[in-house]
């Protein structure tokens, strides 16, 4: 029996701490999630604050 294939989309946000420069990622399946509306905490230095999105361009041709 051939079950074929299924697809799901994962969005991976890249976050960089403005204090120490540490870089980490935040994966989500929710395309409408507003990550600029929440408080972030750097896992390295502990700085907290809101994040600003630097680009809203999405490559949908990949």
C-alpha atoms as a PDB file:
ATOM      1  CA  UNK A   1       0.000   0.000   0.000  1.00  0.00           C
ATOM      2  CA  UNK A   2       1.452   3.383  -1.067  1.00  0.00           C
ATOM      3  CA  UNK A   3       0.789   6.079   1.529  1.00  0.00           C
ATOM      4  CA  UNK A   4       2.452   8.857  -0.471  1.00  0.00           C
ATOM      5  CA  UNK A   5       4.005  11.837   1.229  1.00  0.00           C
ATOM      6  CA  UNK A   6       2.937  14.547   3.641  1.00  0.00           C
ATOM      7  CA  UNK A   7       4.368  18.022   4.100  1.00  0.00           C
ATOM      8  CA  UNK A   8       4.434  20.495   6.948  1.00  0.00           C
ATOM      9  CA  UNK A   9       6.067  23.909   7.153  1.00  0.00           C
ATOM     10  CA  UNK A  10       8.378  24.987   9.952  1.00  0.00           C
ATOM     11  CA  UNK A  11       9.439  28.594  10.395  1.00  0.00           C
ATOM     12  CA  UNK A  12      12.806  29.150  12.032  1.00  0.00           C
ATOM     13  CA  UNK A  13      13.471  32.601  13.471  1.00  0.00           C
ATOM     14  CA  UNK A  14      17.068  33.704  14.053  1.00  0.00           C
ATOM     15  CA  UNK A  15      17.579  35.834  17.173  1.00  0.00           C
ATOM     16  CA  UNK A  16      20.728  37.748  18.105  1.00  0.00           C
ATOM     17  CA  UNK A  17      21.302  39.371  21.488  1.00  0.00           C
ATOM     18  CA  UNK A  18      22.182  43.053  21.138  1.00  0.00           C
ATOM     19  CA  UNK A  19      24.170  42.950  24.383  1.00  0.00           C
ATOM     20  CA  UNK A  20      26.539  39.982  23.971  1.00  0.00           C
ATOM     21  CA  UNK A  21      25.976  38.992  20.313  1.00  0.00           C
ATOM     22  CA  UNK A  22      24.853  35.440  21.142  1.00  0.00           C
ATOM     23  CA  UNK A  23      22.782  33.877  18.340  1.00  0.00           C
ATOM     24  CA  UNK A  24      20.038  31.273  18.690  1.00  0.00           C
ATOM     25  CA  UNK A  25      16.987  30.039  16.806  1.00  0.00           C
ATOM     26  CA  UNK A  26      13.290  29.746  17.597  1.00  0.00           C
ATOM     27  CA  UNK A  27      11.314  27.223  15.522  1.00  0.00           C
ATOM     28  CA  UNK A  28       7.534  27.445  15.191  1.00  0.00           C
ATOM     29  CA  UNK A  29       4.751  25.970  13.095  1.00  0.00           C
ATOM     30  CA  UNK A  30       2.542  29.068  13.508  1.00  0.00           C
ATOM     31  CA  UNK A  31       2.962  31.421  10.537  1.00  0.00           C
ATOM     32  CA  UNK A  32       0.916  34.154  12.235  1.00  0.00           C
ATOM     33  CA  UNK A  33       2.867  34.133  15.525  1.00  0.00           C
ATOM     34  CA  UNK A  34       3.965  37.695  16.417  1.00  0.00           C
ATOM     35  CA  UNK A  35       7.355  37.289  18.054  1.00  0.00           C
ATOM     36  CA  UNK A  36       7.813  41.053  18.343  1.00  0.00           C
ATOM     37  CA  UNK A  37       4.973  41.110  20.901  1.00  0.00           C
ATOM     38  CA  UNK A  38       6.802  39.060  23.514  1.00  0.00           C
ATOM     39  CA  UNK A  39       9.750  39.516  25.848  1.00  0.00           C
ATOM     40  CA  UNK A  40      12.941  37.609  25.032  1.00  0.00           C
ATOM     41  CA  UNK A  41      15.719  36.464  27.358  1.00  0.00           C
ATOM     42  CA  UNK A  42      19.242  35.782  26.132  1.00  0.00           C
ATOM     43  CA  UNK A  43      20.254  32.267  27.224  1.00  0.00           C
ATOM     44  CA  UNK A  44      23.898  33.377  27.497  1.00  0.00           C
ATOM     45  CA  UNK A  45      23.966  36.753  29.268  1.00  0.00           C
ATOM     46  CA  UNK A  46      20.366  36.986  30.560  1.00  0.00           C
ATOM     47  CA  UNK A  47      19.509  40.330  28.899  1.00  0.00           C
ATOM     48  CA  UNK A  48      15.760  40.722  28.467  1.00  0.00           C
ATOM     49  CA  UNK A  49      13.679  42.828  26.126  1.00  0.00           C
ATOM     50  CA  UNK A  50      11.636  42.913  22.965  1.00  0.00           C
ATOM     51  CA  UNK A  51      12.984  42.027  19.530  1.00  0.00           C
ATOM     52  CA  UNK A  52      12.608  43.958  16.306  1.00  0.00           C
ATOM     53  CA  UNK A  53      12.197  42.161  13.006  1.00  0.00           C
ATOM     54  CA  UNK A  54      14.791  43.337  10.481  1.00  0.00           C
ATOM     55  CA  UNK A  55      13.084  41.939   7.371  1.00  0.00           C
ATOM     56  CA  UNK A  56       9.667  40.583   6.507  1.00  0.00           C
ATOM     57  CA  UNK A  57      10.731  39.171   3.148  1.00  0.00           C
ATOM     58  CA  UNK A  58      10.005  35.474   2.723  1.00  0.00           C
ATOM     59  CA  UNK A  59      11.379  33.400  -0.122  1.00  0.00           C
ATOM     60  CA  UNK A  60       8.464  31.206  -1.179  1.00  0.00           C
ATOM     61  CA  UNK A  61      10.220  29.966  -4.323  1.00  0.00           C
ATOM     62  CA  UNK A  62      12.680  27.711  -2.487  1.00  0.00           C
END
